[in-house]
PDB file of N, CA and C in Angstrom:
ATOM      1  N   MET A   1      17.463   0.551  18.728  1.00  0.00           N
ATOM      2  CA  MET A   1      16.919  -0.391  19.881  1.00  0.00           C
ATOM      3  C   MET A   1      16.289  -1.556  19.429  1.00  0.00           C
ATOM      4  N   ARG A   2      16.588  -2.724  20.088  1.00  0.00           N
ATOM      5  CA  ARG A   2      15.875  -3.596  19.944  1.00  0.00           C
ATOM      6  C   ARG A   2      15.376  -4.217  21.065  1.00  0.00           C
ATOM      7  N   SER A   3      13.919  -4.660  20.987  1.00  0.00           N
ATOM      8  CA  SER A   3      13.612  -5.503  22.289  1.00  0.00           C
ATOM      9  C   SER A   3      12.153  -6.288  21.716  1.00  0.00           C
ATOM     10  N   ASP A   4      11.477  -7.010  22.629  1.00  0.00           N
ATOM     11  CA  ASP A   4      10.772  -7.803  22.445  1.00  0.00           C
ATOM     12  C   ASP A   4       9.401  -7.031  21.921  1.00  0.00           C
ATOM     13  N   VAL A   5       8.496  -7.615  21.150  1.00  0.00           N
ATOM     14  CA  VAL A   5       7.450  -7.133  20.467  1.00  0.00           C
ATOM     15  C   VAL A   5       6.308  -7.787  20.911  1.00  0.00           C
ATOM     16  N   LYS A   6       5.243  -7.209  21.095  1.00  0.00           N
ATOM     17  CA  LYS A   6       3.877  -7.895  21.445  1.00  0.00           C
ATOM     18  C   LYS A   6       3.038  -7.435  20.766  1.00  0.00           C
ATOM     19  N   ALA A   7       1.949  -8.310  20.174  1.00  0.00           N
ATOM     20  CA  ALA A   7       0.798  -7.982  19.375  1.00  0.00           C
ATOM     21  C   ALA A   7      -0.487  -7.943  19.986  1.00  0.00           C
ATOM     22  N   ILE A   8      -1.305  -6.677  19.899  1.00  0.00           N
ATOM     23  CA  ILE A   8      -2.392  -6.805  20.805  1.00  0.00           C
ATOM     24  C   ILE A   8      -3.600  -6.306  19.721  1.00  0.00           C
ATOM     25  N   GLN A   9      -4.737  -7.170  19.723  1.00  0.00           N
ATOM     26  CA  GLN A   9      -5.744  -6.714  18.812  1.00  0.00           C
ATOM     27  C   GLN A   9      -6.848  -5.755  19.654  1.00  0.00           C
ATOM     28  N   ILE A  10      -6.979  -4.587  19.056  1.00  0.00           N
ATOM     29  CA  ILE A  10      -8.208  -3.704  19.470  1.00  0.00           C
ATOM     30  C   ILE A  10      -9.262  -3.768  18.801  1.00  0.00           C
ATOM     31  N   THR A  11     -10.728  -3.880  19.382  1.00  0.00           N
ATOM     32  CA  THR A  11     -11.781  -3.770  18.796  1.00  0.00           C
ATOM     33  C   THR A  11     -12.661  -2.864  19.861  1.00  0.00           C
ATOM     34  N   ALA A  12     -12.391  -2.219  20.762  1.00  0.00           N
ATOM     35  CA  ALA A  12     -13.184  -1.300  21.525  1.00  0.00           C
ATOM     36  C   ALA A  12     -12.136  -0.194  22.393  1.00  0.00           C
ATOM     37  N   THR A  13     -12.948   0.399  22.824  1.00  0.00           N
ATOM     38  CA  THR A  13     -11.987   1.598  23.798  1.00  0.00           C
ATOM     39  C   THR A  13     -11.559   1.219  25.093  1.00  0.00           C
ATOM     40  N   GLY A  14     -10.585   1.475  25.620  1.00  0.00           N
ATOM     41  CA  GLY A  14     -10.285   1.050  26.937  1.00  0.00           C
ATOM     42  C   GLY A  14      -8.658   0.943  26.896  1.00  0.00           C
ATOM     43  N   GLN A  15      -8.185   0.467  28.089  1.00  0.00           N
ATOM     44  CA  GLN A  15      -6.726   0.181  28.207  1.00  0.00           C
ATOM     45  C   GLN A  15      -6.197  -0.887  27.250  1.00  0.00           C
ATOM     46  N   VAL A  16      -4.840  -0.725  26.560  1.00  0.00           N
ATOM     47  CA  VAL A  16      -4.475  -1.596  25.689  1.00  0.00           C
ATOM     48  C   VAL A  16      -3.261  -2.070  26.404  1.00  0.00           C
ATOM     49  N   PHE A  17      -2.465  -1.435  27.118  1.00  0.00           N
ATOM     50  CA  PHE A  17      -1.221  -1.871  27.867  1.00  0.00           C
ATOM     51  C   PHE A  17      -1.016  -0.933  29.042  1.00  0.00           C
ATOM     52  N   ALA A  18      -0.766  -1.432  30.208  1.00  0.00           N
ATOM     53  CA  ALA A  18      -0.732  -0.532  31.359  1.00  0.00           C
ATOM     54  C   ALA A  18       0.268   0.132  31.522  1.00  0.00           C
ATOM     55  N   GLY A  19       1.659  -0.260  31.466  1.00  0.00           N
ATOM     56  CA  GLY A  19       3.062   0.158  31.375  1.00  0.00           C
ATOM     57  C   GLY A  19       3.709   0.957  30.503  1.00  0.00           C
ATOM     58  N   ARG A  20       4.611   1.604  30.727  1.00  0.00           N
ATOM     59  CA  ARG A  20       5.363   2.325  29.725  1.00  0.00           C
ATOM     60  C   ARG A  20       5.812   1.417  28.409  1.00  0.00           C
ATOM     61  N   THR A  21       5.327   1.763  27.323  1.00  0.00           N
ATOM     62  CA  THR A  21       5.498   1.179  26.184  1.00  0.00           C
ATOM     63  C   THR A  21       6.017   1.927  24.715  1.00  0.00           C
ATOM     64  N   ARG A  22       6.248   1.298  24.037  1.00  0.00           N
ATOM     65  CA  ARG A  22       6.355   1.997  22.497  1.00  0.00           C
ATOM     66  C   ARG A  22       5.526   1.345  21.375  1.00  0.00           C
ATOM     67  N   LEU A  23       4.818   2.363  20.429  1.00  0.00           N
ATOM     68  CA  LEU A  23       4.018   1.761  19.617  1.00  0.00           C
ATOM     69  C   LEU A  23       5.286   1.456  18.455  1.00  0.00           C
ATOM     70  N   ARG A  24       5.314   0.274  17.875  1.00  0.00           N
ATOM     71  CA  ARG A  24       6.116   0.071  16.860  1.00  0.00           C
ATOM     72  C   ARG A  24       5.401  -0.151  15.562  1.00  0.00           C
ATOM     73  N   GLY A  25       4.254  -0.525  15.313  1.00  0.00           N
ATOM     74  CA  GLY A  25       3.605  -0.643  14.190  1.00  0.00           C
ATOM     75  C   GLY A  25       2.141  -0.937  14.441  1.00  0.00           C
ATOM     76  N   ILE A  26       1.505  -0.942  13.261  1.00  0.00           N
ATOM     77  CA  ILE A  26      -0.103  -0.850  13.356  1.00  0.00           C
ATOM     78  C   ILE A  26      -0.756  -1.436  12.417  1.00  0.00           C
ATOM     79  N   ILE A  27      -1.690  -2.255  12.358  1.00  0.00           N
ATOM     80  CA  ILE A  27      -2.688  -2.698  11.210  1.00  0.00           C
ATOM     81  C   ILE A  27      -3.968  -2.187  11.575  1.00  0.00           C
ATOM     82  N   LEU A  28      -4.472  -1.371  10.792  1.00  0.00           N
ATOM     83  CA  LEU A  28      -5.832  -0.974  10.888  1.00  0.00           C
ATOM     84  C   LEU A  28      -6.623  -1.447  10.039  1.00  0.00           C
ATOM     85  N   SER A  29      -7.808  -2.200   9.926  1.00  0.00           N
ATOM     86  CA  SER A  29      -8.869  -2.378   9.038  1.00  0.00           C
ATOM     87  C   SER A  29     -10.090  -2.231   9.393  1.00  0.00           C
ATOM     88  N   ASN A  30     -10.749  -1.528   8.235  1.00  0.00           N
ATOM     89  CA  ASN A  30     -12.024  -0.849   8.429  1.00  0.00           C
ATOM     90  C   ASN A  30     -12.987  -2.146   8.397  1.00  0.00           C
ATOM     91  N   THR A  31     -14.052  -2.377   9.225  1.00  0.00           N
ATOM     92  CA  THR A  31     -15.165  -3.378   9.475  1.00  0.00           C
ATOM     93  C   THR A  31     -15.993  -3.167   8.453  1.00  0.00           C
ATOM     94  N   THR A  32     -16.469  -2.118   7.395  1.00  0.00           N
ATOM     95  CA  THR A  32     -17.537  -1.799   6.808  1.00  0.00           C
ATOM     96  C   THR A  32     -17.223  -1.824   5.374  1.00  0.00           C
ATOM     97  N   THR A  33     -17.894  -2.000   4.357  1.00  0.00           N
ATOM     98  CA  THR A  33     -17.634  -1.779   2.979  1.00  0.00           C
ATOM     99  C   THR A  33     -18.622  -0.629   2.279  1.00  0.00           C
ATOM    100  N   THR A  34     -19.267   0.308   3.157  1.00  0.00           N
ATOM    101  CA  THR A  34     -19.909   1.242   2.838  1.00  0.00           C
ATOM    102  C   THR A  34     -19.208   2.458   2.839  1.00  0.00           C
ATOM    103  N   THR A  35     -19.659   3.638   3.317  1.00  0.00           N
ATOM    104  CA  THR A  35     -19.157   4.766   2.986  1.00  0.00           C
ATOM    105  C   THR A  35     -18.259   5.311   4.444  1.00  0.00           C
ATOM    106  N   ASP A  36     -18.576   4.531   5.421  1.00  0.00           N
ATOM    107  CA  ASP A  36     -17.789   4.965   6.693  1.00  0.00           C
ATOM    108  C   ASP A  36     -16.512   4.587   6.750  1.00  0.00           C
ATOM    109  N   THR A  37     -15.424   5.841   7.334  1.00  0.00           N
ATOM    110  CA  THR A  37     -14.061   5.910   7.177  1.00  0.00           C
ATOM    111  C   THR A  37     -13.991   5.359   8.693  1.00  0.00           C
ATOM    112  N   GLY A  38     -13.153   4.145   8.564  1.00  0.00           N
ATOM    113  CA  GLY A  38     -12.512   3.669   9.978  1.00  0.00           C
ATOM    114  C   GLY A  38     -11.360   4.727  10.682  1.00  0.00           C
ATOM    115  N   SER A  39     -11.321   4.602  11.878  1.00  0.00           N
ATOM    116  CA  SER A  39     -10.624   5.204  12.626  1.00  0.00           C
ATOM    117  C   SER A  39     -10.265   5.014  14.158  1.00  0.00           C
ATOM    118  N   ILE A  40      -8.828   5.412  14.520  1.00  0.00           N
ATOM    119  CA  ILE A  40      -8.461   4.886  15.972  1.00  0.00           C
ATOM    120  C   ILE A  40      -7.593   6.156  16.375  1.00  0.00           C
ATOM    121  N   THR A  41      -7.769   6.245  17.755  1.00  0.00           N
ATOM    122  CA  THR A  41      -7.024   7.189  18.323  1.00  0.00           C
ATOM    123  C   THR A  41      -6.245   6.598  19.667  1.00  0.00           C
ATOM    124  N   LEU A  42      -5.074   6.521  19.737  1.00  0.00           N
ATOM    125  CA  LEU A  42      -4.174   5.948  20.833  1.00  0.00           C
ATOM    126  C   LEU A  42      -4.072   7.139  21.452  1.00  0.00           C
ATOM    127  N   GLN A  43      -3.736   7.028  22.951  1.00  0.00           N
ATOM    128  CA  GLN A  43      -3.297   7.937  23.998  1.00  0.00           C
ATOM    129  C   GLN A  43      -2.733   7.496  25.146  1.00  0.00           C
ATOM    130  N   ASP A  44      -1.865   8.458  25.820  1.00  0.00           N
ATOM    131  CA  ASP A  44      -1.408   8.004  27.198  1.00  0.00           C
ATOM    132  C   ASP A  44      -1.756   9.481  28.297  1.00  0.00           C
ATOM    133  N   ILE A  45      -1.308   9.528  29.330  1.00  0.00           N
ATOM    134  CA  ILE A  45      -1.820  10.474  30.122  1.00  0.00           C
ATOM    135  C   ILE A  45      -1.284  11.873  29.862  1.00  0.00           C
ATOM    136  N   SER A  46      -0.595  12.025  28.705  1.00  0.00           N
ATOM    137  CA  SER A  46      -0.188  13.089  28.122  1.00  0.00           C
ATOM    138  C   SER A  46      -1.174  13.791  26.678  1.00  0.00           C
ATOM    139  N   GLY A  47      -1.891  12.785  26.597  1.00  0.00           N
ATOM    140  CA  GLY A  47      -3.144  13.172  25.545  1.00  0.00           C
ATOM    141  C   GLY A  47      -2.683  12.141  24.378  1.00  0.00           C
ATOM    142  N   THR A  48      -3.314  12.776  23.304  1.00  0.00           N
ATOM    143  CA  THR A  48      -3.356  11.875  22.139  1.00  0.00           C
ATOM    144  C   THR A  48      -1.901  11.879  21.391  1.00  0.00           C
ATOM    145  N   GLN A  49      -1.339  10.491  21.098  1.00  0.00           N
ATOM    146  CA  GLN A  49       0.024  10.124  20.596  1.00  0.00           C
ATOM    147  C   GLN A  49      -0.125   9.808  19.317  1.00  0.00           C
ATOM    148  N   PHE A  50      -1.466   9.231  18.687  1.00  0.00           N
ATOM    149  CA  PHE A  50      -1.165   8.652  17.239  1.00  0.00           C
ATOM    150  C   PHE A  50      -3.047   8.450  17.025  1.00  0.00           C
ATOM    151  N   THR A  51      -3.128   8.847  15.795  1.00  0.00           N
ATOM    152  CA  THR A  51      -4.671   8.739  15.241  1.00  0.00           C
ATOM    153  C   THR A  51      -4.403   8.741  13.546  1.00  0.00           C
ATOM    154  N   ALA A  52      -5.382   7.589  13.372  1.00  0.00           N
ATOM    155  CA  ALA A  52      -5.075   7.176  12.034  1.00  0.00           C
ATOM    156  C   ALA A  52      -6.546   6.946  11.281  1.00  0.00           C
ATOM    157  N   GLU A  53      -6.866   6.940   9.959  1.00  0.00           N
ATOM    158  CA  GLU A  53      -7.772   6.545   9.294  1.00  0.00           C
ATOM    159  C   GLU A  53      -7.656   5.510   8.426  1.00  0.00           C
ATOM    160  N   VAL A  54      -8.840   5.125   8.184  1.00  0.00           N
ATOM    161  CA  VAL A  54      -8.573   3.703   6.914  1.00  0.00           C
ATOM    162  C   VAL A  54      -9.941   3.975   6.128  1.00  0.00           C
ATOM    163  N   PRO A  55     -10.020   4.008   4.626  1.00  0.00           N
ATOM    164  CA  PRO A  55     -11.054   4.147   3.937  1.00  0.00           C
ATOM    165  C   PRO A  55     -12.028   2.790   3.879  1.00  0.00           C
ATOM    166  N   PRO A  56     -13.374   2.770   3.534  1.00  0.00           N
ATOM    167  CA  PRO A  56     -14.297   1.562   3.726  1.00  0.00           C
ATOM    168  C   PRO A  56     -13.473   0.472   2.822  1.00  0.00           C
ATOM    169  N   GLY A  57     -13.619  -0.822   3.513  1.00  0.00           N
ATOM    170  CA  GLY A  57     -13.079  -1.881   2.992  1.00  0.00           C
ATOM    171  C   GLY A  57     -11.824  -2.256   2.748  1.00  0.00           C
ATOM    172  N   ASP A  58     -10.905  -1.129   3.419  1.00  0.00           N
ATOM    173  CA  ASP A  58      -9.455  -1.175   3.122  1.00  0.00           C
ATOM    174  C   ASP A  58      -8.631  -1.404   4.724  1.00  0.00           C
ATOM    175  N   VAL A  59      -7.204  -1.566   4.165  1.00  0.00           N
ATOM    176  CA  VAL A  59      -6.532  -2.061   5.282  1.00  0.00           C
ATOM    177  C   VAL A  59      -5.306  -0.996   5.395  1.00  0.00           C
ATOM    178  N   PHE A  60      -4.873  -0.530   6.503  1.00  0.00           N
ATOM    179  CA  PHE A  60      -3.685   0.461   6.690  1.00  0.00           C
ATOM    180  C   PHE A  60      -2.655  -0.356   7.396  1.00  0.00           C
ATOM    181  N   THR A  61      -1.425  -0.433   7.110  1.00  0.00           N
ATOM    182  CA  THR A  61      -0.262  -0.918   7.837  1.00  0.00           C
ATOM    183  C   THR A  61       0.756  -0.107   7.868  1.00  0.00           C
ATOM    184  N   PHE A  62       1.401   0.027   8.919  1.00  0.00           N
ATOM    185  CA  PHE A  62       2.265   1.173   9.312  1.00  0.00           C
ATOM    186  C   PHE A  62       3.500   0.749  10.120  1.00  0.00           C
ATOM    187  N   ASN A  63       4.646   0.642   9.853  1.00  0.00           N
ATOM    188  CA  ASN A  63       5.785   0.426  11.080  1.00  0.00           C
ATOM    189  C   ASN A  63       6.454   1.775  11.338  1.00  0.00           C
ATOM    190  N   MET A  64       6.485   2.085  12.662  1.00  0.00           N
ATOM    191  CA  MET A  64       6.990   3.284  12.961  1.00  0.00           C
ATOM    192  C   MET A  64       8.491   3.320  12.852  1.00  0.00           C
ATOM    193  N   PRO A  65       9.056   4.395  12.473  1.00  0.00           N
ATOM    194  CA  PRO A  65      10.300   4.783  12.296  1.00  0.00           C
ATOM    195  C   PRO A  65      11.185   4.914  13.341  1.00  0.00           C
ATOM    196  N   GLU A  66      12.334   4.820  13.362  1.00  0.00           N
ATOM    197  CA  GLU A  66      13.267   4.826  14.470  1.00  0.00           C
ATOM    198  C   GLU A  66      12.757   3.963  15.864  1.00  0.00           C
ATOM    199  N   ASP A  67      12.590   4.767  16.798  1.00  0.00           N
ATOM    200  CA  ASP A  67      12.194   3.741  18.088  1.00  0.00           C
ATOM    201  C   ASP A  67      10.759   3.774  18.352  1.00  0.00           C
ATOM    202  N   GLY A  68       9.873   4.118  17.570  1.00  0.00           N
ATOM    203  CA  GLY A  68       8.408   4.284  17.493  1.00  0.00           C
ATOM    204  C   GLY A  68       7.894   5.351  18.236  1.00  0.00           C
ATOM    205  N   ILE A  69       6.770   5.407  18.822  1.00  0.00           N
ATOM    206  CA  ILE A  69       6.038   6.367  19.705  1.00  0.00           C
ATOM    207  C   ILE A  69       6.067   5.997  20.775  1.00  0.00           C
ATOM    208  N   LEU A  70       6.329   6.712  21.943  1.00  0.00           N
ATOM    209  CA  LEU A  70       6.565   6.641  23.279  1.00  0.00           C
ATOM    210  C   LEU A  70       5.432   6.788  24.088  1.00  0.00           C
ATOM    211  N   PHE A  71       4.647   5.794  24.765  1.00  0.00           N
ATOM    212  CA  PHE A  71       3.458   5.956  25.610  1.00  0.00           C
ATOM    213  C   PHE A  71       4.082   5.954  26.999  1.00  0.00           C
ATOM    214  N   LYS A  72       4.133   6.962  27.464  1.00  0.00           N
ATOM    215  CA  LYS A  72       5.053   6.938  28.796  1.00  0.00           C
ATOM    216  C   LYS A  72       4.305   6.331  30.203  1.00  0.00           C
ATOM    217  N   SER A  73       3.016   6.547  30.053  1.00  0.00           N
ATOM    218  CA  SER A  73       2.165   6.009  31.223  1.00  0.00           C
ATOM    219  C   SER A  73       1.223   5.045  30.821  1.00  0.00           C
ATOM    220  N   GLY A  74       1.288   4.158  29.878  1.00  0.00           N
ATOM    221  CA  GLY A  74       0.451   3.248  29.172  1.00  0.00           C
ATOM    222  C   GLY A  74      -0.451   3.680  27.904  1.00  0.00           C
ATOM    223  N   MET A  75      -0.904   2.698  27.432  1.00  0.00           N
ATOM    224  CA  MET A  75      -1.586   3.196  26.200  1.00  0.00           C
ATOM    225  C   MET A  75      -3.168   2.558  26.524  1.00  0.00           C
ATOM    226  N   THR A  76      -3.822   3.805  25.907  1.00  0.00           N
ATOM    227  CA  THR A  76      -5.181   3.683  26.035  1.00  0.00           C
ATOM    228  C   THR A  76      -5.984   3.775  24.403  1.00  0.00           C
ATOM    229  N   CYS A  77      -6.751   3.269  24.117  1.00  0.00           N
ATOM    230  CA  CYS A  77      -7.601   3.239  22.955  1.00  0.00           C
ATOM    231  C   CYS A  77      -8.690   4.391  23.308  1.00  0.00           C
ATOM    232  N   SER A  78      -8.681   5.319  22.935  1.00  0.00           N
ATOM    233  CA  SER A  78      -9.648   6.418  23.251  1.00  0.00           C
ATOM    234  C   SER A  78     -10.826   6.495  22.404  1.00  0.00           C
ATOM    235  N   ALA A  79     -10.758   6.022  21.046  1.00  0.00           N
ATOM    236  CA  ALA A  79     -11.986   6.377  20.277  1.00  0.00           C
ATOM    237  C   ALA A  79     -11.234   5.122  19.182  1.00  0.00           C
ATOM    238  N   ILE A  80     -12.279   4.149  18.671  1.00  0.00           N
ATOM    239  CA  ILE A  80     -12.336   3.344  17.587  1.00  0.00           C
ATOM    240  C   ILE A  80     -13.542   3.295  16.930  1.00  0.00           C
ATOM    241  N   THR A  81     -13.780   3.666  15.497  1.00  0.00           N
ATOM    242  CA  THR A  81     -14.894   3.576  14.659  1.00  0.00           C
ATOM    243  C   THR A  81     -14.800   2.705  13.440  1.00  0.00           C
ATOM    244  N   SER A  82     -15.621   1.996  13.347  1.00  0.00           N
ATOM    245  CA  SER A  82     -15.704   1.043  12.126  1.00  0.00           C
ATOM    246  C   SER A  82     -14.594   0.409  11.827  1.00  0.00           C
ATOM    247  N   ALA A  83     -13.951   0.016  12.803  1.00  0.00           N
ATOM    248  CA  ALA A  83     -12.363  -0.583  12.560  1.00  0.00           C
ATOM    249  C   ALA A  83     -12.262  -1.535  13.556  1.00  0.00           C
ATOM    250  N   LYS A  84     -11.086  -2.384  13.341  1.00  0.00           N
ATOM    251  CA  LYS A  84     -10.270  -3.384  14.328  1.00  0.00           C
ATOM    252  C   LYS A  84      -8.782  -3.112  14.132  1.00  0.00           C
ATOM    253  N   SER A  85      -8.188  -3.162  15.078  1.00  0.00           N
ATOM    254  CA  SER A  85      -6.693  -3.042  14.698  1.00  0.00           C
ATOM    255  C   SER A  85      -5.878  -3.800  15.576  1.00  0.00           C
ATOM    256  N   THR A  86      -4.700  -4.151  15.327  1.00  0.00           N
ATOM    257  CA  THR A  86      -3.423  -4.870  15.704  1.00  0.00           C
ATOM    258  C   THR A  86      -2.592  -3.899  15.703  1.00  0.00           C
ATOM    259  N   VAL A  87      -2.052  -3.798  17.319  1.00  0.00           N
ATOM    260  CA  VAL A  87      -0.938  -2.813  17.327  1.00  0.00           C
ATOM    261  C   VAL A  87       0.280  -3.795  17.812  1.00  0.00           C
ATOM    262  N   LEU A  88       1.397  -3.335  17.693  1.00  0.00           N
ATOM    263  CA  LEU A  88       2.806  -4.108  17.920  1.00  0.00           C
ATOM    264  C   LEU A  88       3.474  -2.963  18.664  1.00  0.00           C
ATOM    265  N   ILE A  89       3.643  -3.663  19.879  1.00  0.00           N
ATOM    266  CA  ILE A  89       4.297  -2.695  21.214  1.00  0.00           C
ATOM    267  C   ILE A  89       5.552  -3.317  21.780  1.00  0.00           C
ATOM    268  N   ASP A  90       6.225  -2.545  22.597  1.00  0.00           N
ATOM    269  CA  ASP A  90       7.221  -3.065  23.413  1.00  0.00           C
ATOM    270  C   ASP A  90       6.597  -4.024  24.522  1.00  0.00           C
ATOM    271  N   LYS A  91       6.949  -5.020  24.771  1.00  0.00           N
ATOM    272  CA  LYS A  91       6.406  -5.740  26.040  1.00  0.00           C
ATOM    273  C   LYS A  91       7.475  -5.586  27.067  1.00  0.00           C
TER     274      LYS A  91
END
């Protein structure tokens, strides 16, 4: 399945995308160099669809296999700690 992809940077909790979308990839970077582990939780109306952690001072990059993760009712960042993220989604 091929489609256009949109990159959205996330630095705080809240709505990421209002409509149905698929998570195609994520770049998660830790914003600290101390002992704090960075993390992010993405969800839709069904609950948590994706969560990841990244060690202090590191960057986590992942491309979703196959068709990605479906967010049926939009994507929301429900938690982000010591991190910033760029998500690649269908637009």
